[in-house]
C-alpha atoms as a PDB file:
ATOM      1  CA  MET A   1     -36.040  15.301 -22.000  1.00  0.00           C
ATOM      2  CA  PRO A   2     -35.635  18.255 -24.414  1.00  0.00           C
ATOM      3  CA  VAL A   3     -34.143  17.436 -27.783  1.00  0.00           C
ATOM      4  CA  MET A   4     -30.916  19.265 -28.687  1.00  0.00           C
ATOM      5  CA  ASN A   5     -30.574  20.391 -32.306  1.00  0.00           C
ATOM      6  CA  HIS A   6     -28.426  22.855 -34.228  1.00  0.00           C
ATOM      7  CA  ASN A   7     -30.675  25.756 -33.197  1.00  0.00           C
ATOM      8  CA  THR A   8     -30.421  24.980 -29.501  1.00  0.00           C
ATOM      9  CA  PRO A   9     -28.329  27.653 -27.729  1.00  0.00           C
ATOM     10  CA  LEU A  10     -25.109  26.265 -26.293  1.00  0.00           C
ATOM     11  CA  SER A  11     -25.026  26.766 -22.552  1.00  0.00           C
ATOM     12  CA  PRO A  12     -23.442  25.047 -19.576  1.00  0.00           C
ATOM     13  CA  ARG A  13     -26.696  25.368 -17.656  1.00  0.00           C
ATOM     14  CA  PRO A  14     -27.705  21.699 -18.113  1.00  0.00           C
ATOM     15  CA  LEU A  15     -24.624  20.782 -16.076  1.00  0.00           C
ATOM     16  CA  HIS A  16     -25.232  23.324 -13.349  1.00  0.00           C
ATOM     17  CA  HIS A  17     -26.829  20.746 -11.049  1.00  0.00           C
ATOM     18  CA  LEU A  18     -23.725  18.536 -11.384  1.00  0.00           C
ATOM     19  CA  ALA A  19     -21.307  21.285 -10.412  1.00  0.00           C
ATOM     20  CA  THR A  20     -23.521  22.393  -7.552  1.00  0.00           C
ATOM     21  CA  GLY A  21     -24.088  18.879  -6.253  1.00  0.00           C
ATOM     22  CA  THR A  22     -20.481  17.729  -6.163  1.00  0.00           C
ATOM     23  CA  GLY A  23     -18.628  21.008  -5.726  1.00  0.00           C
ATOM     24  CA  ARG A  24     -16.458  20.043  -8.715  1.00  0.00           C
ATOM     25  CA  ARG A  25     -16.701  21.724 -12.067  1.00  0.00           C
ATOM     26  CA  VAL A  26     -14.206  19.606 -13.980  1.00  0.00           C
ATOM     27  CA  LEU A  27     -15.393  16.997 -16.486  1.00  0.00           C
ATOM     28  CA  THR A  28     -13.881  15.020 -19.336  1.00  0.00           C
ATOM     29  CA  HIS A  29     -15.246  15.075 -22.874  1.00  0.00           C
ATOM     30  CA  THR A  30     -16.540  11.555 -22.276  1.00  0.00           C
ATOM     31  CA  GLN A  31     -18.464  12.692 -19.204  1.00  0.00           C
ATOM     32  CA  LEU A  32     -19.838  15.665 -21.106  1.00  0.00           C
ATOM     33  CA  ARG A  33     -21.048  13.395 -23.907  1.00  0.00           C
ATOM     34  CA  ALA A  34     -22.866  11.311 -21.311  1.00  0.00           C
ATOM     35  CA  HIS A  35     -24.808  14.483 -20.475  1.00  0.00           C
ATOM     36  CA  GLY A  36     -25.638  15.224 -24.084  1.00  0.00           C
ATOM     37  CA  VAL A  37     -22.817  17.673 -24.859  1.00  0.00           C
ATOM     38  CA  SER A  38     -20.887  16.742 -28.015  1.00  0.00           C
ATOM     39  CA  ALA A  39     -17.198  17.408 -28.540  1.00  0.00           C
ATOM     40  CA  ALA A  40     -18.046  20.160 -31.022  1.00  0.00           C
ATOM     41  CA  GLU A  41     -20.386  21.836 -28.571  1.00  0.00           C
ATOM     42  CA  ALA A  42     -17.797  21.581 -25.789  1.00  0.00           C
ATOM     43  CA  GLY A  43     -15.214  23.140 -28.126  1.00  0.00           C
ATOM     44  CA  GLU A  44     -17.604  25.994 -28.831  1.00  0.00           C
ATOM     45  CA  GLN A  45     -18.030  26.656 -25.138  1.00  0.00           C
ATOM     46  CA  CYS A  46     -14.236  26.628 -24.639  1.00  0.00           C
ATOM     47  CA  ARG A  47     -13.501  29.348 -27.215  1.00  0.00           C
ATOM     48  CA  PRO A  48     -11.715  32.478 -25.916  1.00  0.00           C
ATOM     49  CA  GLY A  49     -14.175  34.497 -23.881  1.00  0.00           C
ATOM     50  CA  GLY A  50     -16.524  31.518 -23.531  1.00  0.00           C
ATOM     51  CA  PRO A  51     -18.052  30.192 -20.311  1.00  0.00           C
ATOM     52  CA  TRP A  52     -15.830  27.103 -20.229  1.00  0.00           C
ATOM     53  CA  GLN A  53     -12.136  26.413 -20.758  1.00  0.00           C
ATOM     54  CA  GLN A  54     -10.065  23.375 -21.672  1.00  0.00           C
ATOM     55  CA  LEU A  55      -7.783  22.838 -18.701  1.00  0.00           C
ATOM     56  CA  LEU A  56      -5.983  19.771 -20.119  1.00  0.00           C
ATOM     57  CA  PRO A  57      -6.455  17.675 -23.269  1.00  0.00           C
ATOM     58  CA  GLY A  58      -9.875  16.091 -22.988  1.00  0.00           C
ATOM     59  CA  VAL A  59     -10.631  17.819 -19.668  1.00  0.00           C
ATOM     60  CA  VAL A  60     -12.931  20.855 -19.400  1.00  0.00           C
ATOM     61  CA  LEU A  61     -13.322  23.391 -16.612  1.00  0.00           C
ATOM     62  CA  LEU A  62     -16.929  24.554 -16.404  1.00  0.00           C
ATOM     63  CA  HIS A  63     -16.217  28.182 -15.548  1.00  0.00           C
ATOM     64  CA  PRO A  64     -14.047  30.916 -17.090  1.00  0.00           C
ATOM     65  CA  GLY A  65     -12.047  31.930 -14.000  1.00  0.00           C
ATOM     66  CA  PRO A  66      -8.737  30.529 -12.724  1.00  0.00           C
ATOM     67  CA  PRO A  67      -9.021  26.919 -11.485  1.00  0.00           C
ATOM     68  CA  THR A  68      -8.695  26.202  -7.803  1.00  0.00           C
ATOM     69  CA  SER A  69      -6.060  23.766  -6.533  1.00  0.00           C
ATOM     70  CA  GLU A  70      -8.771  21.154  -6.015  1.00  0.00           C
ATOM     71  CA  GLU A  71      -9.959  21.579  -9.597  1.00  0.00           C
ATOM     72  CA  ARG A  72      -6.421  21.253 -10.922  1.00  0.00           C
ATOM     73  CA  LEU A  73      -5.900  18.051  -8.914  1.00  0.00           C
ATOM     74  CA  HIS A  74      -9.118  16.559 -10.282  1.00  0.00           C
ATOM     75  CA  ALA A  75      -8.178  17.654 -13.795  1.00  0.00           C
ATOM     76  CA  VAL A  76      -4.761  15.996 -13.580  1.00  0.00           C
ATOM     77  CA  LEU A  77      -6.289  12.737 -12.346  1.00  0.00           C
ATOM     78  CA  LEU A  78      -9.028  12.766 -15.000  1.00  0.00           C
ATOM     79  CA  TYR A  79      -6.471  13.486 -17.716  1.00  0.00           C
ATOM     80  CA  ALA A  80      -4.321  10.557 -16.578  1.00  0.00           C
ATOM     81  CA  ALA A  81      -7.325   8.227 -16.386  1.00  0.00           C
ATOM     82  CA  ARG A  82      -9.155   9.247 -19.538  1.00  0.00           C
ATOM     83  CA  GLU A  83      -7.459   6.602 -21.737  1.00  0.00           C
ATOM     84  CA  ARG A  84      -8.086   3.007 -20.815  1.00  0.00           C
ATOM     85  CA  THR A  85      -6.206  -0.079 -21.938  1.00  0.00           C
ATOM     86  CA  VAL A  86      -8.382  -2.091 -24.327  1.00  0.00           C
ATOM     87  CA  SER A  87      -9.357  -5.391 -22.736  1.00  0.00           C
ATOM     88  CA  VAL A  88     -12.232  -7.839 -22.464  1.00  0.00           C
ATOM     89  CA  PRO A  89     -14.935  -6.275 -20.285  1.00  0.00           C
ATOM     90  CA  VAL A  90     -15.237  -7.898 -16.879  1.00  0.00           C
ATOM     91  CA  GLN A  91     -18.622  -8.323 -15.238  1.00  0.00           C
ATOM     92  CA  PRO A  92     -18.458  -6.255 -12.040  1.00  0.00           C
ATOM     93  CA  ASP A  93     -18.895  -8.065  -8.758  1.00  0.00           C
ATOM     94  CA  ARG A  94     -21.834  -6.747  -6.760  1.00  0.00           C
ATOM     95  CA  ASP A  95     -19.779  -6.965  -3.575  1.00  0.00           C
ATOM     96  CA  GLU A  96     -16.913  -4.879  -4.977  1.00  0.00           C
ATOM     97  CA  PRO A  97     -16.870  -1.100  -4.460  1.00  0.00           C
ATOM     98  CA  PRO A  98     -17.495   1.026  -7.562  1.00  0.00           C
ATOM     99  CA  ALA A  99     -14.443   1.665  -9.723  1.00  0.00           C
ATOM    100  CA  SER A 100     -12.585   4.918  -9.142  1.00  0.00           C
ATOM    101  CA  PRO A 101     -13.298   7.611 -11.754  1.00  0.00           C
ATOM    102  CA  TYR A 102      -9.525   8.099 -11.859  1.00  0.00           C
ATOM    103  CA  GLY A 103      -8.676   4.492 -12.786  1.00  0.00           C
ATOM    104  CA  GLU A 104      -5.218   3.569 -11.512  1.00  0.00           C
ATOM    105  CA  ALA A 105      -3.905   7.146 -11.491  1.00  0.00           C
ATOM    106  CA  MET A 106      -2.851   8.742  -8.204  1.00  0.00           C
ATOM    107  CA  ILE A 107      -1.256  12.003  -7.076  1.00  0.00           C
ATOM    108  CA  THR A 108       2.403  11.667  -6.096  1.00  0.00           C
ATOM    109  CA  GLY A 109       5.467  13.876  -5.536  1.00  0.00           C
ATOM    110  CA  LEU A 110       5.298  17.215  -3.747  1.00  0.00           C
ATOM    111  CA  ALA A 111       1.536  17.581  -4.209  1.00  0.00           C
ATOM    112  CA  ALA A 112       0.988  14.229  -2.504  1.00  0.00           C
ATOM    113  CA  LEU A 113       3.235  15.246   0.397  1.00  0.00           C
ATOM    114  CA  THR A 114       1.262  18.480   0.779  1.00  0.00           C
ATOM    115  CA  LEU A 115      -1.966  16.466   0.873  1.00  0.00           C
ATOM    116  CA  HIS A 116      -0.406  14.161   3.491  1.00  0.00           C
ATOM    117  CA  GLY A 117       0.139  17.240   5.660  1.00  0.00           C
ATOM    118  CA  PHE A 118       3.855  17.945   5.182  1.00  0.00           C
ATOM    119  CA  THR A 119       4.613  21.482   6.320  1.00  0.00           C
ATOM    120  CA  SER A 120       7.946  21.436   4.452  1.00  0.00           C
ATOM    121  CA  ALA A 121       6.184  20.792   1.117  1.00  0.00           C
ATOM    122  CA  PRO A 122       5.001  23.908  -0.745  1.00  0.00           C
ATOM    123  CA  PRO A 123       1.280  24.748  -0.627  1.00  0.00           C
ATOM    124  CA  LEU A 124      -0.761  23.546  -3.582  1.00  0.00           C
ATOM    125  CA  PRO A 125      -1.468  27.003  -5.109  1.00  0.00           C
ATOM    126  CA  SER A 126       2.277  27.632  -5.456  1.00  0.00           C
ATOM    127  CA  GLN A 127       2.891  24.380  -7.354  1.00  0.00           C
ATOM    128  CA  GLU A 128       2.727  24.930 -11.098  1.00  0.00           C
ATOM    129  CA  THR A 129       2.530  21.215 -11.910  1.00  0.00           C
ATOM    130  CA  PHE A 130       1.225  18.156 -10.095  1.00  0.00           C
ATOM    131  CA  ASP A 131       2.863  14.745 -10.423  1.00  0.00           C
ATOM    132  CA  VAL A 132       0.483  11.923 -11.282  1.00  0.00           C
ATOM    133  CA  LEU A 133       1.563   8.277 -11.103  1.00  0.00           C
ATOM    134  CA  VAL A 134       0.374   5.917 -13.857  1.00  0.00           C
ATOM    135  CA  PRO A 135       1.289   2.433 -15.144  1.00  0.00           C
ATOM    136  CA  ARG A 136       4.442   2.377 -17.251  1.00  0.00           C
ATOM    137  CA  LEU A 137       2.678   1.306 -20.459  1.00  0.00           C
ATOM    138  CA  ARG A 138       0.193   4.187 -20.470  1.00  0.00           C
ATOM    139  CA  ARG A 139       0.577   6.386 -23.559  1.00  0.00           C
ATOM    140  CA  LEU A 140       0.466   9.825 -21.978  1.00  0.00           C
ATOM    141  CA  ARG A 141       2.636  12.902 -22.076  1.00  0.00           C
ATOM    142  CA  SER A 142       3.215  15.620 -19.526  1.00  0.00           C
ATOM    143  CA  THR A 143       1.323  18.761 -20.403  1.00  0.00           C
ATOM    144  CA  GLY A 144      -0.038  21.846 -18.670  1.00  0.00           C
ATOM    145  CA  CYS A 145      -0.301  21.274 -14.922  1.00  0.00           C
ATOM    146  CA  ALA A 146       0.062  17.483 -15.300  1.00  0.00           C
ATOM    147  CA  ARG A 147       3.470  15.844 -14.995  1.00  0.00           C
ATOM    148  CA  ILE A 148       3.322  12.134 -15.785  1.00  0.00           C
ATOM    149  CA  VAL A 149       5.352   9.739 -13.602  1.00  0.00           C
ATOM    150  CA  ARG A 150       5.413   6.080 -14.664  1.00  0.00           C
ATOM    151  CA  ALA A 151       5.927   2.932 -12.608  1.00  0.00           C
ATOM    152  CA  ALA A 152       6.056  -0.757 -13.459  1.00  0.00           C
ATOM    153  CA  ALA A 153       4.192  -1.596 -10.231  1.00  0.00           C
ATOM    154  CA  LEU A 154       1.848   0.896  -8.604  1.00  0.00           C
ATOM    155  CA  PRO A 155       1.463   1.115  -4.821  1.00  0.00           C
ATOM    156  CA  VAL A 156      -1.944   0.937  -3.188  1.00  0.00           C
ATOM    157  CA  PRO A 157      -3.159   4.552  -3.028  1.00  0.00           C
ATOM    158  CA  GLU A 158      -4.390   6.223   0.124  1.00  0.00           C
ATOM    159  CA  GLN A 159      -7.540   8.312   0.078  1.00  0.00           C
ATOM    160  CA  VAL A 160      -6.826  11.899   1.146  1.00  0.00           C
ATOM    161  CA  THR A 161      -9.673  14.420   0.876  1.00  0.00           C
ATOM    162  CA  GLY A 162     -11.363  11.984  -1.486  1.00  0.00           C
ATOM    163  CA  LEU A 163      -8.396  11.757  -3.852  1.00  0.00           C
ATOM    164  CA  PRO A 164      -6.132   8.754  -4.562  1.00  0.00           C
ATOM    165  CA  VAL A 165      -2.693   9.707  -3.236  1.00  0.00           C
ATOM    166  CA  ALA A 166       0.542   7.706  -3.304  1.00  0.00           C
ATOM    167  CA  PRO A 167       1.816   6.511   0.106  1.00  0.00           C
ATOM    168  CA  VAL A 168       4.405   8.766   1.717  1.00  0.00           C
ATOM    169  CA  PRO A 169       7.520   6.666   0.867  1.00  0.00           C
ATOM    170  CA  ARG A 170       6.620   6.528  -2.827  1.00  0.00           C
ATOM    171  CA  ALA A 171       5.600  10.208  -2.928  1.00  0.00           C
ATOM    172  CA  LEU A 172       8.915  11.121  -1.297  1.00  0.00           C
ATOM    173  CA  ALA A 173      10.930   9.198  -3.894  1.00  0.00           C
ATOM    174  CA  ASP A 174       9.041  10.865  -6.754  1.00  0.00           C
ATOM    175  CA  ALA A 175       9.530  14.295  -5.179  1.00  0.00           C
ATOM    176  CA  VAL A 176      13.248  13.770  -4.503  1.00  0.00           C
ATOM    177  CA  ALA A 177      13.772  12.622  -8.111  1.00  0.00           C
ATOM    178  CA  SER A 178      13.008  16.147  -9.312  1.00  0.00           C
ATOM    179  CA  LEU A 179      14.709  18.097  -6.507  1.00  0.00           C
ATOM    180  CA  LYS A 180      18.297  19.335  -6.513  1.00  0.00           C
ATOM    181  CA  ASP A 181      18.195  21.445  -3.351  1.00  0.00           C
ATOM    182  CA  ALA A 182      19.917  19.420  -0.608  1.00  0.00           C
ATOM    183  CA  VAL A 183      18.280  21.449   2.162  1.00  0.00           C
ATOM    184  CA  VAL A 184      14.768  20.806   0.826  1.00  0.00           C
ATOM    185  CA  VAL A 185      15.464  17.087   0.372  1.00  0.00           C
ATOM    186  CA  ARG A 186      16.811  16.744   3.915  1.00  0.00           C
ATOM    187  CA  ARG A 187      13.862  18.683   5.329  1.00  0.00           C
ATOM    188  CA  LEU A 188      11.310  16.465   3.572  1.00  0.00           C
ATOM    189  CA  LEU A 189      12.981  13.206   4.629  1.00  0.00           C
ATOM    190  CA  THR A 190      13.361  14.388   8.212  1.00  0.00           C
ATOM    191  CA  GLU A 191       9.712  15.410   8.458  1.00  0.00           C
ATOM    192  CA  ALA A 192       8.638  12.026   7.082  1.00  0.00           C
ATOM    193  CA  VAL A 193      10.221  10.297  10.087  1.00  0.00           C
ATOM    194  CA  ARG A 194       9.828  12.941  12.768  1.00  0.00           C
ATOM    195  CA  GLY A 195       6.194  13.485  11.833  1.00  0.00           C
ATOM    196  CA  GLY A 196       5.441   9.768  12.123  1.00  0.00           C
ATOM    197  CA  HIS A 197       4.450   9.409   8.466  1.00  0.00           C
ATOM    198  CA  CYS A 198       6.668   6.357   7.832  1.00  0.00           C
ATOM    199  CA  GLU A 199       9.786   4.497   8.929  1.00  0.00           C
ATOM    200  CA  PRO A 200      13.263   5.272   7.500  1.00  0.00           C
ATOM    201  CA  ALA A 201      13.601   1.774   6.027  1.00  0.00           C
ATOM    202  CA  ALA A 202      10.526   2.294   3.843  1.00  0.00           C
ATOM    203  CA  VAL A 203      11.913   5.576   2.509  1.00  0.00           C
ATOM    204  CA  VAL A 204      15.362   4.129   1.790  1.00  0.00           C
ATOM    205  CA  ARG A 205      13.734   1.170   0.041  1.00  0.00           C
ATOM    206  CA  GLU A 206      11.854   3.501  -2.345  1.00  0.00           C
ATOM    207  CA  LEU A 207      14.893   5.737  -2.930  1.00  0.00           C
ATOM    208  CA  THR A 208      16.974   2.680  -3.752  1.00  0.00           C
ATOM    209  CA  ALA A 209      14.352   1.312  -6.135  1.00  0.00           C
ATOM    210  CA  ALA A 210      14.242   4.709  -7.857  1.00  0.00           C
ATOM    211  CA  LYS A 211      18.062   4.619  -8.243  1.00  0.00           C
ATOM    212  CA  LEU A 212      18.496   7.906  -6.382  1.00  0.00           C
ATOM    213  CA  LEU A 213      21.168   6.887  -3.867  1.00  0.00           C
ATOM    214  CA  HIS A 214      24.004   7.748  -6.259  1.00  0.00           C
ATOM    215  CA  ARG A 215      23.238  11.458  -5.837  1.00  0.00           C
ATOM    216  CA  PRO A 216      25.480  12.983  -3.145  1.00  0.00           C
ATOM    217  CA  HIS A 217      22.838  15.322  -1.716  1.00  0.00           C
ATOM    218  CA  VAL A 218      20.395  12.410  -1.422  1.00  0.00           C
ATOM    219  CA  VAL A 219      22.987  10.219   0.315  1.00  0.00           C
ATOM    220  CA  ASP A 220      23.666  13.015   2.835  1.00  0.00           C
ATOM    221  CA  ALA A 221      19.954  13.418   3.468  1.00  0.00           C
ATOM    222  CA  VAL A 222      19.541   9.654   3.968  1.00  0.00           C
ATOM    223  CA  ASP A 223      22.338   9.662   6.566  1.00  0.00           C
ATOM    224  CA  SER A 224      20.418  12.347   8.465  1.00  0.00           C
ATOM    225  CA  LEU A 225      17.211  10.376   7.994  1.00  0.00           C
ATOM    226  CA  LEU A 226      18.685   7.199   9.492  1.00  0.00           C
ATOM    227  CA  ALA A 227      20.118   9.139  12.432  1.00  0.00           C
ATOM    228  CA  GLU A 228      16.722  10.748  12.969  1.00  0.00           C
ATOM    229  CA  GLY A 229      15.033   7.356  12.766  1.00  0.00           C
ATOM    230  CA  ARG A 230      17.370   5.783  15.327  1.00  0.00           C
ATOM    231  CA  ALA A 231      16.919   8.672  17.756  1.00  0.00           C
ATOM    232  CA  LEU A 232      13.146   8.400  17.409  1.00  0.00           C
ATOM    233  CA  ALA A 233      13.214   4.614  17.901  1.00  0.00           C
ATOM    234  CA  GLU A 234      15.367   4.977  21.026  1.00  0.00           C
ATOM    235  CA  SER A 235      12.930   7.551  22.389  1.00  0.00           C
ATOM    236  CA  ARG A 236      10.049   5.135  21.822  1.00  0.00           C
ATOM    237  CA  LEU A 237      11.991   2.375  23.576  1.00  0.00           C
ATOM    238  CA  TYR A 238      12.558   4.606  26.635  1.00  0.00           C
ATOM    239  CA  ARG A 239       8.858   5.469  26.652  1.00  0.00           C
ATOM    240  CA  MET A 240       7.833   1.805  26.364  1.00  0.00           C
ATOM    241  CA  VAL A 241       9.912   0.830  29.413  1.00  0.00           C
ATOM    242  CA  ARG A 242       8.526   3.730  31.435  1.00  0.00           C
ATOM    243  CA  GLU A 243       4.847   3.530  30.431  1.00  0.00           C
ATOM    244  CA  TYR A 244       4.488  -0.240  30.808  1.00  0.00           C
ATOM    245  CA  GLY A 245       6.283  -0.505  34.126  1.00  0.00           C
ATOM    246  CA  LEU A 246       9.334  -2.511  33.097  1.00  0.00           C
ATOM    247  CA  PRO A 247      12.361  -2.402  35.406  1.00  0.00           C
ATOM    248  CA  ASP A 248      15.042   0.075  34.391  1.00  0.00           C
ATOM    249  CA  PRO A 249      17.756  -1.520  32.254  1.00  0.00           C
ATOM    250  CA  CYS A 250      21.306  -0.418  31.552  1.00  0.00           C
ATOM    251  CA  TRP A 251      20.941   1.770  28.469  1.00  0.00           C
ATOM    252  CA  ASN A 252      23.294   1.724  25.456  1.00  0.00           C
ATOM    253  CA  VAL A 253      25.954  -0.676  26.653  1.00  0.00           C
ATOM    254  CA  ASP A 254      28.776  -2.794  25.263  1.00  0.00           C
ATOM    255  CA  LEU A 255      29.300  -6.346  26.485  1.00  0.00           C
ATOM    256  CA  ARG A 256      32.672  -8.075  26.805  1.00  0.00           C
ATOM    257  CA  LEU A 257      33.893 -11.365  28.190  1.00  0.00           C
ATOM    258  CA  PRO A 258      36.281 -10.850  31.128  1.00  0.00           C
ATOM    259  CA  GLY A 259      39.683 -10.460  29.528  1.00  0.00           C
ATOM    260  CA  GLY A 260      38.149 -11.592  26.246  1.00  0.00           C
ATOM    261  CA  PRO A 261      36.679 -10.202  23.044  1.00  0.00           C
ATOM    262  CA  HIS A 262      34.040  -7.570  22.505  1.00  0.00           C
ATOM    263  CA  LEU A 263      30.552  -9.126  22.226  1.00  0.00           C
ATOM    264  CA  GLY A 264      28.704  -6.187  20.711  1.00  0.00           C
ATOM    265  CA  GLY A 265      26.564  -3.205  21.614  1.00  0.00           C
ATOM    266  CA  LEU A 266      23.003  -3.339  22.918  1.00  0.00           C
ATOM    267  CA  ASP A 267      20.308  -0.711  23.293  1.00  0.00           C
ATOM    268  CA  ALA A 268      19.083  -2.036  26.654  1.00  0.00           C
ATOM    269  CA  TYR A 269      20.345  -4.750  29.005  1.00  0.00           C
ATOM    270  CA  TRP A 270      19.040  -6.222  32.263  1.00  0.00           C
ATOM    271  CA  PRO A 271      22.161  -7.804  33.872  1.00  0.00           C
ATOM    272  CA  GLU A 272      20.363  -9.738  36.633  1.00  0.00           C
ATOM    273  CA  GLN A 273      18.053 -11.456  34.165  1.00  0.00           C
ATOM    274  CA  ALA A 274      20.564 -11.563  31.252  1.00  0.00           C
ATOM    275  CA  VAL A 275      17.974 -10.089  28.869  1.00  0.00           C
ATOM    276  CA  ALA A 276      18.886  -7.645  26.103  1.00  0.00           C
ATOM    277  CA  VAL A 277      16.932  -5.510  23.637  1.00  0.00           C
ATOM    278  CA  GLU A 278      18.357  -4.705  20.238  1.00  0.00           C
ATOM    279  CA  LEU A 279      16.788  -2.174  17.875  1.00  0.00           C
ATOM    280  CA  ASP A 280      16.970  -3.008  14.186  1.00  0.00           C
ATOM    281  CA  THR A 281      17.110   0.322  12.351  1.00  0.00           C
ATOM    282  CA  ARG A 282      18.836  -1.019   9.267  1.00  0.00           C
ATOM    283  CA  ALA A 283      17.379  -0.163   5.872  1.00  0.00           C
ATOM    284  CA  PRO A 284      16.909  -3.412   3.937  1.00  0.00           C
ATOM    285  CA  ARG A 285      17.963  -3.458   0.301  1.00  0.00           C
ATOM    286  CA  PRO A 286      15.091  -4.098  -2.112  1.00  0.00           C
ATOM    287  CA  GLY A 287      15.358  -7.481  -3.767  1.00  0.00           C
ATOM    288  CA  GLY A 288      18.407  -8.436  -1.731  1.00  0.00           C
ATOM    289  CA  ARG A 289      18.660 -11.499   0.474  1.00  0.00           C
ATOM    290  CA  PRO A 290      19.406 -10.831   4.159  1.00  0.00           C
ATOM    291  CA  GLU A 291      22.243 -13.362   4.131  1.00  0.00           C
ATOM    292  CA  ASP A 292      23.980 -11.261   1.454  1.00  0.00           C
ATOM    293  CA  ASP A 293      23.958  -8.157   3.678  1.00  0.00           C
ATOM    294  CA  ALA A 294      27.231  -7.923   5.625  1.00  0.00           C
ATOM    295  CA  GLU A 295      25.618  -5.889   8.394  1.00  0.00           C
ATOM    296  CA  TRP A 296      22.791  -8.417   8.733  1.00  0.00           C
ATOM    297  CA  VAL A 297      25.274 -11.289   8.917  1.00  0.00           C
ATOM    298  CA  GLU A 298      27.266  -9.510  11.622  1.00  0.00           C
ATOM    299  CA  GLN A 299      24.147  -8.780  13.683  1.00  0.00           C
ATOM    300  CA  ALA A 300      22.964 -12.397  13.373  1.00  0.00           C
ATOM    301  CA  ARG A 301      26.397 -13.673  14.461  1.00  0.00           C
ATOM    302  CA  LYS A 302      26.339 -11.386  17.495  1.00  0.00           C
ATOM    303  CA  ARG A 303      22.889 -12.583  18.586  1.00  0.00           C
ATOM    304  CA  GLU A 304      23.876 -16.238  18.217  1.00  0.00           C
ATOM    305  CA  HIS A 305      27.019 -15.674  20.304  1.00  0.00           C
ATOM    306  CA  LEU A 306      25.089 -13.925  23.065  1.00  0.00           C
ATOM    307  CA  GLU A 307      22.429 -16.610  23.151  1.00  0.00           C
ATOM    308  CA  ARG A 308      25.093 -19.323  23.476  1.00  0.00           C
ATOM    309  CA  LEU A 309      26.274 -17.469  26.562  1.00  0.00           C
ATOM    310  CA  GLY A 310      22.761 -17.664  27.994  1.00  0.00           C
ATOM    311  CA  ILE A 311      21.721 -14.084  27.186  1.00  0.00           C
ATOM    312  CA  THR A 312      18.210 -13.673  25.733  1.00  0.00           C
ATOM    313  CA  VAL A 313      18.122 -11.115  22.925  1.00  0.00           C
ATOM    314  CA  VAL A 314      14.778  -9.483  22.106  1.00  0.00           C
ATOM    315  CA  HIS A 315      14.859  -8.090  18.579  1.00  0.00           C
ATOM    316  CA  ILE A 316      12.551  -5.064  18.030  1.00  0.00           C
ATOM    317  CA  THR A 317      11.986  -2.964  14.909  1.00  0.00           C
ATOM    318  CA  PRO A 318      11.000   0.732  14.998  1.00  0.00           C
ATOM    319  CA  ARG A 319       7.665  -0.118  13.380  1.00  0.00           C
ATOM    320  CA  LYS A 320       6.802  -2.577  16.154  1.00  0.00           C
ATOM    321  CA  LEU A 321       7.648   0.062  18.744  1.00  0.00           C
ATOM    322  CA  ARG A 322       5.410   2.561  16.964  1.00  0.00           C
ATOM    323  CA  ASP A 323       2.435   0.303  16.211  1.00  0.00           C
ATOM    324  CA  ALA A 324       2.537  -2.317  18.965  1.00  0.00           C
ATOM    325  CA  ALA A 325       4.456  -0.954  21.948  1.00  0.00           C
ATOM    326  CA  GLU A 326       2.284  -2.768  24.497  1.00  0.00           C
ATOM    327  CA  GLN A 327       2.845  -6.090  22.745  1.00  0.00           C
ATOM    328  CA  GLN A 328       6.610  -5.531  22.653  1.00  0.00           C
ATOM    329  CA  ALA A 329       6.609  -4.623  26.350  1.00  0.00           C
ATOM    330  CA  ALA A 330       4.829  -7.928  27.055  1.00  0.00           C
ATOM    331  CA  VAL A 331       7.521  -9.808  25.104  1.00  0.00           C
ATOM    332  CA  VAL A 332      10.280  -8.181  27.159  1.00  0.00           C
ATOM    333  CA  ARG A 333       8.403  -8.774  30.422  1.00  0.00           C
ATOM    334  CA  THR A 334       7.965 -12.447  29.552  1.00  0.00           C
ATOM    335  CA  ALA A 335      11.683 -12.787  28.819  1.00  0.00           C
ATOM    336  CA  LEU A 336      12.537 -11.161  32.163  1.00  0.00           C
ATOM    337  CA  MET A 337      10.179 -13.477  34.066  1.00  0.00           C
ATOM    338  CA  ALA A 338      11.455 -16.578  32.238  1.00  0.00           C
ATOM    339  CA  SER A 339      15.028 -15.879  33.332  1.00  0.00           C
ATOM    340  CA  ALA A 340      14.336 -17.524  36.690  1.00  0.00           C
ATOM    341  CA  ASP A 341      13.767 -20.859  34.945  1.00  0.00           C
ATOM    342  CA  ARG A 342      16.950 -20.757  32.862  1.00  0.00           C
ATOM    343  CA  ASP A 343      20.467 -21.785  33.694  1.00  0.00           C
ATOM    344  CA  PRO A 344      22.614 -18.844  34.851  1.00  0.00           C
ATOM    345  CA  ALA A 345      24.178 -16.937  31.997  1.00  0.00           C
ATOM    346  CA  ALA A 346      27.932 -16.573  31.569  1.00  0.00           C
ATOM    347  CA  TYR A 347      29.530 -13.661  33.390  1.00  0.00           C
ATOM    348  CA  VAL A 348      30.035 -10.647  31.120  1.00  0.00           C
ATOM    349  CA  VAL A 349      31.429  -7.164  31.643  1.00  0.00           C
ATOM    350  CA  VAL A 350      28.925  -4.341  30.986  1.00  0.00           C
ATOM    351  CA  LEU A 351      30.463  -1.088  29.739  1.00  0.00           C
ATOM    352  CA  PRO A 352      28.869   2.190  28.638  1.00  0.00           C
ATOM    353  CA  ARG A 353      28.702   2.578  24.862  1.00  0.00           C
END
């Protein structure tokens, strides 16, 4: 290899094969040093009018023109990952995949939603800053196009176009935290559910953990989100009954004892077999026990009462309908077939809800 000395002209040409091979022309000072370029030499290249430019502290762009959105994303991740917590080195396991060059950092917020395919999120070139999620104890500051977001516990990132990206519920919470426009917030939450990106309960869980549900415009958007989620779950339930050949039930009914009290509402009911389906679209509270949730207690009491009357209640969540509709149809079919072997259920009055 040629020896570099003080008389050697400074040029980015030794790194040309790297940029050409990977399509990325963003490197940290540490990566440059690994290729024989000292910090002083990198600084020389990044002077005004030079062939390189410092995009973020410790991160260099290997061309003088404006960075692309992809280059900015890589720069933000490299900036967030460039400092490592000092610890005892661990011998890597041969069976483990190689460590990410971005460490634990991941894109979150609006940029993450754009990468996930949200049409209601602004395109990447129009976003001046990108949110990057890092552990809470990292000593970093927001600067340039990097906005640091900290978390005590990081989610498992998803790989989108080769980049670590926060899951949709977490990215939504980080985006909503910086948004004040009620229309934009409602549009993002609605697309999350309508587009099949996640279930409402997962979004509400993240918004609650981020302490955002005290904001009126967020509460209004969540109400719309839950309504959207219930409508979508009901649509999936209709489709499950139709596609898997189940007999038509009575849809959206209330049950009462003759001349007696109201027993509760059900999403579907087969009177001849005394089998009911109930959708659970509640949003669980993070860290809370189900028995402390008044709505959960009421639902559990209703199911117990119905089952004492001989009515089989099949409990289905929206996620099960989305991910395992055939399995849920088999559960309902089994309950319908098993009705012939049970004692007759108590007589109840079925009313439209």
